[in-house]
Amino acid sequence: MDEDVTVTDGDLTARYFETETERILQYSADGRTAVIAQNVEGYAMLKVRDGTDGDELERYYGFDMALDHAGELLGLPPGNLPVPDEAADMGM
């Protein structure tokens, strides 16, 4: 893992980290989890999952659309999801 950054805003936690194959932005709130993942090269579509190893629910080109879906999974408005600086360039 190259990066590991956590941002907390009330009950909402955003964690950005990298694995050998993916860049991961994981959100947790009220027992729910939403994950946005992209390959480490940073050029592939974003995958939205309900957990780090969860099933892929949808793919998006745009980061905004992936954030919208993550917000829906958490029951939160997408504008309320903090984005660590390290994850700000995700998407195509």
PDB file of N, CA and C in Angstrom:
ATOM      1  N   MET A   1       0.827  -1.173   0.000  1.00  0.00           N
ATOM      2  CA  MET A   1       0.000   0.000   0.000  1.00  0.00           C
ATOM      3  C   MET A   1       0.874   1.240   0.000  1.00  0.00           C
ATOM      4  N   ASP A   2       0.634   2.120  -0.945  1.00  0.00           N
ATOM      5  CA  ASP A   2       1.400   3.357  -1.017  1.00  0.00           C
ATOM      6  C   ASP A   2       0.783   4.459  -0.179  1.00  0.00           C
ATOM      7  N   GLU A   3      -0.502   4.627  -0.254  1.00  0.00           N
ATOM      8  CA  GLU A   3      -1.210   5.693   0.442  1.00  0.00           C
ATOM      9  C   GLU A   3      -2.236   5.086   1.393  1.00  0.00           C
ATOM     10  N   ASP A   4      -2.472   5.744   2.504  1.00  0.00           N
ATOM     11  CA  ASP A   4      -3.543   5.352   3.410  1.00  0.00           C
ATOM     12  C   ASP A   4      -3.954   6.605   4.166  1.00  0.00           C
ATOM     13  N   VAL A   5      -5.089   7.156   3.777  1.00  0.00           N
ATOM     14  CA  VAL A   5      -5.554   8.412   4.328  1.00  0.00           C
ATOM     15  C   VAL A   5      -6.995   8.230   4.799  1.00  0.00           C
ATOM     16  N   THR A   6      -7.292   8.702   5.997  1.00  0.00           N
ATOM     17  CA  THR A   6      -8.651   8.620   6.527  1.00  0.00           C
ATOM     18  C   THR A   6      -9.144  10.023   6.867  1.00  0.00           C
ATOM     19  N   VAL A   7     -10.376  10.312   6.437  1.00  0.00           N
ATOM     20  CA  VAL A   7     -11.033  11.583   6.734  1.00  0.00           C
ATOM     21  C   VAL A   7     -12.348  11.251   7.418  1.00  0.00           C
ATOM     22  N   THR A   8     -12.603  11.876   8.557  1.00  0.00           N
ATOM     23  CA  THR A   8     -13.846  11.632   9.284  1.00  0.00           C
ATOM     24  C   THR A   8     -14.651  12.927   9.358  1.00  0.00           C
ATOM     25  N   ASP A   9     -15.939  12.809   9.070  1.00  0.00           N
ATOM     26  CA  ASP A   9     -16.851  13.948   9.132  1.00  0.00           C
ATOM     27  C   ASP A   9     -18.096  13.470   9.883  1.00  0.00           C
ATOM     28  N   GLY A  10     -18.126  13.694  11.176  1.00  0.00           N
ATOM     29  CA  GLY A  10     -19.229  13.185  11.994  1.00  0.00           C
ATOM     30  C   GLY A  10     -19.194  11.670  12.025  1.00  0.00           C
ATOM     31  N   ASP A  11     -20.304  11.043  11.623  1.00  0.00           N
ATOM     32  CA  ASP A  11     -20.393   9.581  11.604  1.00  0.00           C
ATOM     33  C   ASP A  11     -19.877   8.970  10.301  1.00  0.00           C
ATOM     34  N   LEU A  12     -19.488   9.812   9.363  1.00  0.00           N
ATOM     35  CA  LEU A  12     -19.036   9.348   8.053  1.00  0.00           C
ATOM     36  C   LEU A  12     -17.510   9.302   8.005  1.00  0.00           C
ATOM     37  N   THR A  13     -16.984   8.161   7.562  1.00  0.00           N
ATOM     38  CA  THR A  13     -15.539   8.007   7.420  1.00  0.00           C
ATOM     39  C   THR A  13     -15.215   7.678   5.972  1.00  0.00           C
ATOM     40  N   ALA A  14     -14.241   8.396   5.414  1.00  0.00           N
ATOM     41  CA  ALA A  14     -13.723   8.121   4.075  1.00  0.00           C
ATOM     42  C   ALA A  14     -12.285   7.666   4.236  1.00  0.00           C
ATOM     43  N   ARG A  15     -11.980   6.527   3.646  1.00  0.00           N
ATOM     44  CA  ARG A  15     -10.611   5.992   3.720  1.00  0.00           C
ATOM     45  C   ARG A  15     -10.124   5.716   2.308  1.00  0.00           C
ATOM     46  N   TYR A  16      -8.989   6.308   1.952  1.00  0.00           N
ATOM     47  CA  TYR A  16      -8.361   6.053   0.670  1.00  0.00           C
ATOM     48  C   TYR A  16      -7.115   5.213   0.908  1.00  0.00           C
ATOM     49  N   PHE A  17      -6.973   4.158   0.130  1.00  0.00           N
ATOM     50  CA  PHE A  17      -5.763   3.346   0.201  1.00  0.00           C
ATOM     51  C   PHE A  17      -5.549   2.642  -1.128  1.00  0.00           C
ATOM     52  N   GLU A  18      -4.366   2.112  -1.295  1.00  0.00           N
ATOM     53  CA  GLU A  18      -4.026   1.396  -2.522  1.00  0.00           C
ATOM     54  C   GLU A  18      -3.604  -0.026  -2.189  1.00  0.00           C
ATOM     55  N   THR A  19      -4.014  -0.949  -3.054  1.00  0.00           N
ATOM     56  CA  THR A  19      -3.548  -2.325  -2.976  1.00  0.00           C
ATOM     57  C   THR A  19      -2.603  -2.546  -4.150  1.00  0.00           C
ATOM     58  N   GLU A  20      -2.181  -3.752  -4.366  1.00  0.00           N
ATOM     59  CA  GLU A  20      -1.313  -4.042  -5.503  1.00  0.00           C
ATOM     60  C   GLU A  20      -2.006  -3.785  -6.830  1.00  0.00           C
ATOM     61  N   THR A  21      -3.346  -3.916  -6.854  1.00  0.00           N
ATOM     62  CA  THR A  21      -4.076  -3.810  -8.119  1.00  0.00           C
ATOM     63  C   THR A  21      -5.071  -2.662  -8.199  1.00  0.00           C
ATOM     64  N   GLU A  22      -5.468  -2.072  -7.055  1.00  0.00           N
ATOM     65  CA  GLU A  22      -6.521  -1.064  -7.078  1.00  0.00           C
ATOM     66  C   GLU A  22      -6.242   0.137  -6.186  1.00  0.00           C
ATOM     67  N   ARG A  23      -6.849   1.249  -6.581  1.00  0.00           N
ATOM     68  CA  ARG A  23      -6.969   2.425  -5.738  1.00  0.00           C
ATOM     69  C   ARG A  23      -8.379   2.329  -5.143  1.00  0.00           C
ATOM     70  N   ILE A  24      -8.514   2.466  -3.840  1.00  0.00           N
ATOM     71  CA  ILE A  24      -9.802   2.249  -3.174  1.00  0.00           C
ATOM     72  C   ILE A  24     -10.181   3.477  -2.360  1.00  0.00           C
ATOM     73  N   LEU A  25     -11.416   3.917  -2.540  1.00  0.00           N
ATOM     74  CA  LEU A  25     -12.009   4.956  -1.703  1.00  0.00           C
ATOM     75  C   LEU A  25     -13.199   4.305  -1.015  1.00  0.00           C
ATOM     76  N   GLN A  26     -13.072   4.081   0.269  1.00  0.00           N
ATOM     77  CA  GLN A  26     -14.079   3.355   1.045  1.00  0.00           C
ATOM     78  C   GLN A  26     -14.790   4.320   1.984  1.00  0.00           C
ATOM     79  N   TYR A  27     -16.105   4.314   1.907  1.00  0.00           N
ATOM     80  CA  TYR A  27     -16.934   5.123   2.806  1.00  0.00           C
ATOM     81  C   TYR A  27     -17.662   4.221   3.777  1.00  0.00           C
ATOM     82  N   SER A  28     -17.758   4.658   5.035  1.00  0.00           N
ATOM     83  CA  SER A  28     -18.492   3.930   6.064  1.00  0.00           C
ATOM     84  C   SER A  28     -19.336   4.915   6.848  1.00  0.00           C
ATOM     85  N   ALA A  29     -20.605   4.542   7.071  1.00  0.00           N
ATOM     86  CA  ALA A  29     -21.513   5.368   7.868  1.00  0.00           C
ATOM     87  C   ALA A  29     -22.668   4.503   8.346  1.00  0.00           C
ATOM     88  N   ASP A  30     -22.970   4.586   9.616  1.00  0.00           N
ATOM     89  CA  ASP A  30     -24.123   3.881  10.196  1.00  0.00           C
ATOM     90  C   ASP A  30     -24.164   2.396   9.826  1.00  0.00           C
ATOM     91  N   GLY A  31     -23.020   1.730   9.845  1.00  0.00           N
ATOM     92  CA  GLY A  31     -22.970   0.303   9.545  1.00  0.00           C
ATOM     93  C   GLY A  31     -23.040  -0.040   8.068  1.00  0.00           C
ATOM     94  N   ARG A  32     -23.091   0.962   7.202  1.00  0.00           N
ATOM     95  CA  ARG A  32     -23.120   0.732   5.753  1.00  0.00           C
ATOM     96  C   ARG A  32     -21.752   1.058   5.173  1.00  0.00           C
ATOM     97  N   THR A  33     -21.437   0.396   4.069  1.00  0.00           N
ATOM     98  CA  THR A  33     -20.165   0.636   3.390  1.00  0.00           C
ATOM     99  C   THR A  33     -20.413   0.790   1.897  1.00  0.00           C
ATOM    100  N   ALA A  34     -19.687   1.721   1.303  1.00  0.00           N
ATOM    101  CA  ALA A  34     -19.685   1.904  -0.149  1.00  0.00           C
ATOM    102  C   ALA A  34     -18.237   2.083  -0.571  1.00  0.00           C
ATOM    103  N   VAL A  35     -17.864   1.429  -1.649  1.00  0.00           N
ATOM    104  CA  VAL A  35     -16.481   1.465  -2.130  1.00  0.00           C
ATOM    105  C   VAL A  35     -16.455   1.903  -3.579  1.00  0.00           C
ATOM    106  N   ILE A  36     -15.531   2.799  -3.884  1.00  0.00           N
ATOM    107  CA  ILE A  36     -15.240   3.182  -5.260  1.00  0.00           C
ATOM    108  C   ILE A  36     -13.815   2.710  -5.525  1.00  0.00           C
ATOM    109  N   ALA A  37     -13.639   1.909  -6.585  1.00  0.00           N
ATOM    110  CA  ALA A  37     -12.328   1.336  -6.879  1.00  0.00           C
ATOM    111  C   ALA A  37     -11.941   1.591  -8.328  1.00  0.00           C
ATOM    112  N   GLN A  38     -10.637   1.748  -8.536  1.00  0.00           N
ATOM    113  CA  GLN A  38     -10.086   1.938  -9.874  1.00  0.00           C
ATOM    114  C   GLN A  38      -8.744   1.211  -9.929  1.00  0.00           C
ATOM    115  N   ASN A  39      -8.336   0.787 -11.111  1.00  0.00           N
ATOM    116  CA  ASN A  39      -7.043   0.102 -11.181  1.00  0.00           C
ATOM    117  C   ASN A  39      -5.925   1.073 -10.800  1.00  0.00           C
ATOM    118  N   VAL A  40      -4.795   0.553 -10.371  1.00  0.00           N
ATOM    119  CA  VAL A  40      -3.706   1.405  -9.878  1.00  0.00           C
ATOM    120  C   VAL A  40      -3.124   2.299 -10.969  1.00  0.00           C
ATOM    121  N   GLU A  41      -3.280   1.912 -12.221  1.00  0.00           N
ATOM    122  CA  GLU A  41      -2.795   2.761 -13.302  1.00  0.00           C
ATOM    123  C   GLU A  41      -3.646   4.011 -13.447  1.00  0.00           C
ATOM    124  N   GLY A  42      -4.891   3.965 -12.932  1.00  0.00           N
ATOM    125  CA  GLY A  42      -5.756   5.134 -12.916  1.00  0.00           C
ATOM    126  C   GLY A  42      -6.455   5.470 -14.214  1.00  0.00           C
ATOM    127  N   TYR A  43      -6.555   4.519 -15.148  1.00  0.00           N
ATOM    128  CA  TYR A  43      -7.215   4.842 -16.411  1.00  0.00           C
ATOM    129  C   TYR A  43      -8.503   4.061 -16.647  1.00  0.00           C
ATOM    130  N   ALA A  44      -8.830   3.108 -15.828  1.00  0.00           N
ATOM    131  CA  ALA A  44     -10.009   2.274 -16.041  1.00  0.00           C
ATOM    132  C   ALA A  44     -11.255   2.903 -15.426  1.00  0.00           C
ATOM    133  N   MET A  45     -12.399   2.365 -15.798  1.00  0.00           N
ATOM    134  CA  MET A  45     -13.660   2.822 -15.222  1.00  0.00           C
ATOM    135  C   MET A  45     -13.653   2.573 -13.718  1.00  0.00           C
ATOM    136  N   LEU A  46     -14.448   3.360 -13.016  1.00  0.00           N
ATOM    137  CA  LEU A  46     -14.589   3.207 -11.568  1.00  0.00           C
ATOM    138  C   LEU A  46     -15.625   2.134 -11.276  1.00  0.00           C
ATOM    139  N   LYS A  47     -15.335   1.283 -10.324  1.00  0.00           N
ATOM    140  CA  LYS A  47     -16.266   0.236  -9.906  1.00  0.00           C
ATOM    141  C   LYS A  47     -16.868   0.659  -8.570  1.00  0.00           C
ATOM    142  N   VAL A  48     -18.178   0.529  -8.434  1.00  0.00           N
ATOM    143  CA  VAL A  48     -18.831   0.787  -7.153  1.00  0.00           C
ATOM    144  C   VAL A  48     -19.238  -0.557  -6.579  1.00  0.00           C
ATOM    145  N   ARG A  49     -18.843  -0.780  -5.320  1.00  0.00           N
ATOM    146  CA  ARG A  49     -19.146  -2.037  -4.628  1.00  0.00           C
ATOM    147  C   ARG A  49     -19.708  -1.717  -3.252  1.00  0.00           C
ATOM    148  N   ASP A  50     -20.302  -2.724  -2.636  1.00  0.00           N
ATOM    149  CA  ASP A  50     -20.853  -2.524  -1.292  1.00  0.00           C
ATOM    150  C   ASP A  50     -19.871  -2.953  -0.202  1.00  0.00           C
ATOM    151  N   GLY A  51     -18.646  -3.218  -0.570  1.00  0.00           N
ATOM    152  CA  GLY A  51     -17.582  -3.573   0.372  1.00  0.00           C
ATOM    153  C   GLY A  51     -16.277  -3.670  -0.386  1.00  0.00           C
ATOM    154  N   THR A  52     -15.175  -3.672   0.342  1.00  0.00           N
ATOM    155  CA  THR A  52     -13.867  -3.722  -0.306  1.00  0.00           C
ATOM    156  C   THR A  52     -13.748  -4.928  -1.223  1.00  0.00           C
ATOM    157  N   ASP A  53     -14.215  -6.075  -0.769  1.00  0.00           N
ATOM    158  CA  ASP A  53     -14.199  -7.289  -1.582  1.00  0.00           C
ATOM    159  C   ASP A  53     -15.588  -7.657  -2.086  1.00  0.00           C
ATOM    160  N   GLY A  54     -16.521  -6.700  -2.009  1.00  0.00           N
ATOM    161  CA  GLY A  54     -17.902  -6.967  -2.395  1.00  0.00           C
ATOM    162  C   GLY A  54     -18.077  -7.088  -3.894  1.00  0.00           C
ATOM    163  N   ASP A  55     -19.273  -7.496  -4.270  1.00  0.00           N
ATOM    164  CA  ASP A  55     -19.608  -7.627  -5.683  1.00  0.00           C
ATOM    165  C   ASP A  55     -19.700  -6.246  -6.328  1.00  0.00           C
ATOM    166  N   GLU A  56     -19.255  -6.174  -7.562  1.00  0.00           N
ATOM    167  CA  GLU A  56     -19.362  -4.937  -8.323  1.00  0.00           C
ATOM    168  C   GLU A  56     -20.841  -4.665  -8.610  1.00  0.00           C
ATOM    169  N   LEU A  57     -21.291  -3.470  -8.286  1.00  0.00           N
ATOM    170  CA  LEU A  57     -22.683  -3.099  -8.510  1.00  0.00           C
ATOM    171  C   LEU A  57     -22.864  -2.336  -9.818  1.00  0.00           C
ATOM    172  N   GLU A  58     -21.868  -1.518 -10.153  1.00  0.00           N
ATOM    173  CA  GLU A  58     -21.959  -0.683 -11.358  1.00  0.00           C
ATOM    174  C   GLU A  58     -20.577  -0.156 -11.692  1.00  0.00           C
ATOM    175  N   ARG A  59     -20.394   0.274 -12.964  1.00  0.00           N
ATOM    176  CA  ARG A  59     -19.149   0.923 -13.404  1.00  0.00           C
ATOM    177  C   ARG A  59     -19.487   2.293 -13.964  1.00  0.00           C
ATOM    178  N   TYR A  60     -18.585   3.236 -13.720  1.00  0.00           N
ATOM    179  CA  TYR A  60     -18.778   4.606 -14.187  1.00  0.00           C
ATOM    180  C   TYR A  60     -17.479   5.158 -14.749  1.00  0.00           C
ATOM    181  N   TYR A  61     -17.606   6.036 -15.747  1.00  0.00           N
ATOM    182  CA  TYR A  61     -16.453   6.775 -16.244  1.00  0.00           C
ATOM    183  C   TYR A  61     -16.158   7.949 -15.317  1.00  0.00           C
ATOM    184  N   GLY A  62     -17.210   8.606 -14.849  1.00  0.00           N
ATOM    185  CA  GLY A  62     -17.050   9.828 -14.074  1.00  0.00           C
ATOM    186  C   GLY A  62     -17.077   9.607 -12.574  1.00  0.00           C
ATOM    187  N   PHE A  63     -16.208  10.314 -11.893  1.00  0.00           N
ATOM    188  CA  PHE A  63     -16.117  10.241 -10.439  1.00  0.00           C
ATOM    189  C   PHE A  63     -17.403  10.742  -9.785  1.00  0.00           C
ATOM    190  N   ASP A  64     -17.993  11.805 -10.343  1.00  0.00           N
ATOM    191  CA  ASP A  64     -19.224  12.346  -9.769  1.00  0.00           C
ATOM    192  C   ASP A  64     -20.346  11.316  -9.749  1.00  0.00           C
ATOM    193  N   MET A  65     -20.471  10.558 -10.821  1.00  0.00           N
ATOM    194  CA  MET A  65     -21.518   9.536 -10.877  1.00  0.00           C
ATOM    195  C   MET A  65     -21.253   8.426  -9.869  1.00  0.00           C
ATOM    196  N   ALA A  66     -19.983   8.043  -9.711  1.00  0.00           N
ATOM    197  CA  ALA A  66     -19.632   7.018  -8.726  1.00  0.00           C
ATOM    198  C   ALA A  66     -19.919   7.525  -7.313  1.00  0.00           C
ATOM    199  N   LEU A  67     -19.617   8.803  -7.049  1.00  0.00           N
ATOM    200  CA  LEU A  67     -19.929   9.390  -5.738  1.00  0.00           C
ATOM    201  C   LEU A  67     -21.436   9.417  -5.492  1.00  0.00           C
ATOM    202  N   ASP A  68     -22.218   9.734  -6.528  1.00  0.00           N
ATOM    203  CA  ASP A  68     -23.678   9.711  -6.398  1.00  0.00           C
ATOM    204  C   ASP A  68     -24.156   8.334  -5.951  1.00  0.00           C
ATOM    205  N   HIS A  69     -23.646   7.288  -6.608  1.00  0.00           N
ATOM    206  CA  HIS A  69     -24.052   5.922  -6.283  1.00  0.00           C
ATOM    207  C   HIS A  69     -23.610   5.550  -4.866  1.00  0.00           C
ATOM    208  N   ALA A  70     -22.392   5.929  -4.494  1.00  0.00           N
ATOM    209  CA  ALA A  70     -21.907   5.653  -3.128  1.00  0.00           C
ATOM    210  C   ALA A  70     -22.799   6.346  -2.109  1.00  0.00           C
ATOM    211  N   GLY A  71     -23.188   7.581  -2.390  1.00  0.00           N
ATOM    212  CA  GLY A  71     -24.096   8.302  -1.500  1.00  0.00           C
ATOM    213  C   GLY A  71     -25.423   7.581  -1.342  1.00  0.00           C
ATOM    214  N   GLU A  72     -25.957   7.070  -2.447  1.00  0.00           N
ATOM    215  CA  GLU A  72     -27.211   6.306  -2.388  1.00  0.00           C
ATOM    216  C   GLU A  72     -27.069   5.075  -1.507  1.00  0.00           C
ATOM    217  N   LEU A  73     -25.953   4.353  -1.655  1.00  0.00           N
ATOM    218  CA  LEU A  73     -25.732   3.156  -0.845  1.00  0.00           C
ATOM    219  C   LEU A  73     -25.670   3.481   0.645  1.00  0.00           C
ATOM    220  N   LEU A  74     -25.158   4.666   0.962  1.00  0.00           N
ATOM    221  CA  LEU A  74     -25.024   5.076   2.362  1.00  0.00           C
ATOM    222  C   LEU A  74     -26.248   5.811   2.874  1.00  0.00           C
ATOM    223  N   GLY A  75     -27.173   6.146   1.971  1.00  0.00           N
ATOM    224  CA  GLY A  75     -28.346   6.921   2.362  1.00  0.00           C
ATOM    225  C   GLY A  75     -28.000   8.378   2.635  1.00  0.00           C
ATOM    226  N   LEU A  76     -26.976   8.896   1.950  1.00  0.00           N
ATOM    227  CA  LEU A  76     -26.509  10.268   2.148  1.00  0.00           C
ATOM    228  C   LEU A  76     -26.468  11.012   0.822  1.00  0.00           C
ATOM    229  N   PRO A  77     -26.643  12.331   0.867  1.00  0.00           N
ATOM    230  CA  PRO A  77     -26.470  13.117  -0.360  1.00  0.00           C
ATOM    231  C   PRO A  77     -25.007  13.042  -0.815  1.00  0.00           C
ATOM    232  N   PRO A  78     -24.761  12.887  -2.105  1.00  0.00           N
ATOM    233  CA  PRO A  78     -23.393  12.752  -2.590  1.00  0.00           C
ATOM    234  C   PRO A  78     -22.506  13.950  -2.225  1.00  0.00           C
ATOM    235  N   GLY A  79     -23.071  15.136  -2.155  1.00  0.00           N
ATOM    236  CA  GLY A  79     -22.297  16.316  -1.797  1.00  0.00           C
ATOM    237  C   GLY A  79     -21.740  16.256  -0.394  1.00  0.00           C
ATOM    238  N   ASN A  80     -22.240  15.340   0.424  1.00  0.00           N
ATOM    239  CA  ASN A  80     -21.765  15.189   1.801  1.00  0.00           C
ATOM    240  C   ASN A  80     -20.611  14.215   1.929  1.00  0.00           C
ATOM    241  N   LEU A  81     -20.181  13.609   0.835  1.00  0.00           N
ATOM    242  CA  LEU A  81     -19.101  12.631   0.900  1.00  0.00           C
ATOM    243  C   LEU A  81     -17.758  13.340   0.773  1.00  0.00           C
ATOM    244  N   PRO A  82     -16.938  13.295   1.822  1.00  0.00           N
ATOM    245  CA  PRO A  82     -15.619  13.915   1.725  1.00  0.00           C
ATOM    246  C   PRO A  82     -14.719  13.105   0.792  1.00  0.00           C
ATOM    247  N   VAL A  83     -13.873  13.802   0.054  1.00  0.00           N
ATOM    248  CA  VAL A  83     -12.943  13.142  -0.861  1.00  0.00           C
ATOM    249  C   VAL A  83     -11.522  13.531  -0.456  1.00  0.00           C
ATOM    250  N   PRO A  84     -10.749  12.580   0.057  1.00  0.00           N
ATOM    251  CA  PRO A  84      -9.348  12.872   0.379  1.00  0.00           C
ATOM    252  C   PRO A  84      -8.615  13.360  -0.871  1.00  0.00           C
ATOM    253  N   ASP A  85      -7.677  14.265  -0.715  1.00  0.00           N
ATOM    254  CA  ASP A  85      -6.924  14.806  -1.860  1.00  0.00           C
ATOM    255  C   ASP A  85      -6.332  13.722  -2.736  1.00  0.00           C
ATOM    256  N   GLU A  86      -5.865  12.642  -2.121  1.00  0.00           N
ATOM    257  CA  GLU A  86      -5.230  11.546  -2.878  1.00  0.00           C
ATOM    258  C   GLU A  86      -6.202  10.858  -3.828  1.00  0.00           C
ATOM    259  N   ALA A  87      -7.506  10.977  -3.587  1.00  0.00           N
ATOM    260  CA  ALA A  87      -8.508  10.319  -4.422  1.00  0.00           C
ATOM    261  C   ALA A  87      -9.177  11.280  -5.396  1.00  0.00           C
ATOM    262  N   ALA A  88      -8.851  12.553  -5.341  1.00  0.00           N
ATOM    263  CA  ALA A  88      -9.540  13.567  -6.127  1.00  0.00           C
ATOM    264  C   ALA A  88      -9.403  13.369  -7.640  1.00  0.00           C
ATOM    265  N   ASP A  89      -8.385  12.653  -8.093  1.00  0.00           N
ATOM    266  CA  ASP A  89      -8.174  12.463  -9.533  1.00  0.00           C
ATOM    267  C   ASP A  89      -8.725  11.133 -10.050  1.00  0.00           C
ATOM    268  N   MET A  90      -9.538  10.452  -9.271  1.00  0.00           N
ATOM    269  CA  MET A  90     -10.110   9.180  -9.730  1.00  0.00           C
ATOM    270  C   MET A  90     -11.127   9.460 -10.827  1.00  0.00           C
ATOM    271  N   GLY A  91     -11.302   8.519 -11.708  1.00  0.00           N
ATOM    272  CA  GLY A  91     -12.235   8.663 -12.824  1.00  0.00           C
ATOM    273  C   GLY A  91     -11.484   8.941 -14.103  1.00  0.00           C
ATOM    274  N   MET A  92     -12.241   8.987 -15.205  1.00  0.00           N
ATOM    275  CA  MET A  92     -11.599   9.190 -16.501  1.00  0.00           C
ATOM    276  C   MET A  92     -11.841  10.583 -17.014  1.00  0.00           C
TER     277      MET A  92
END
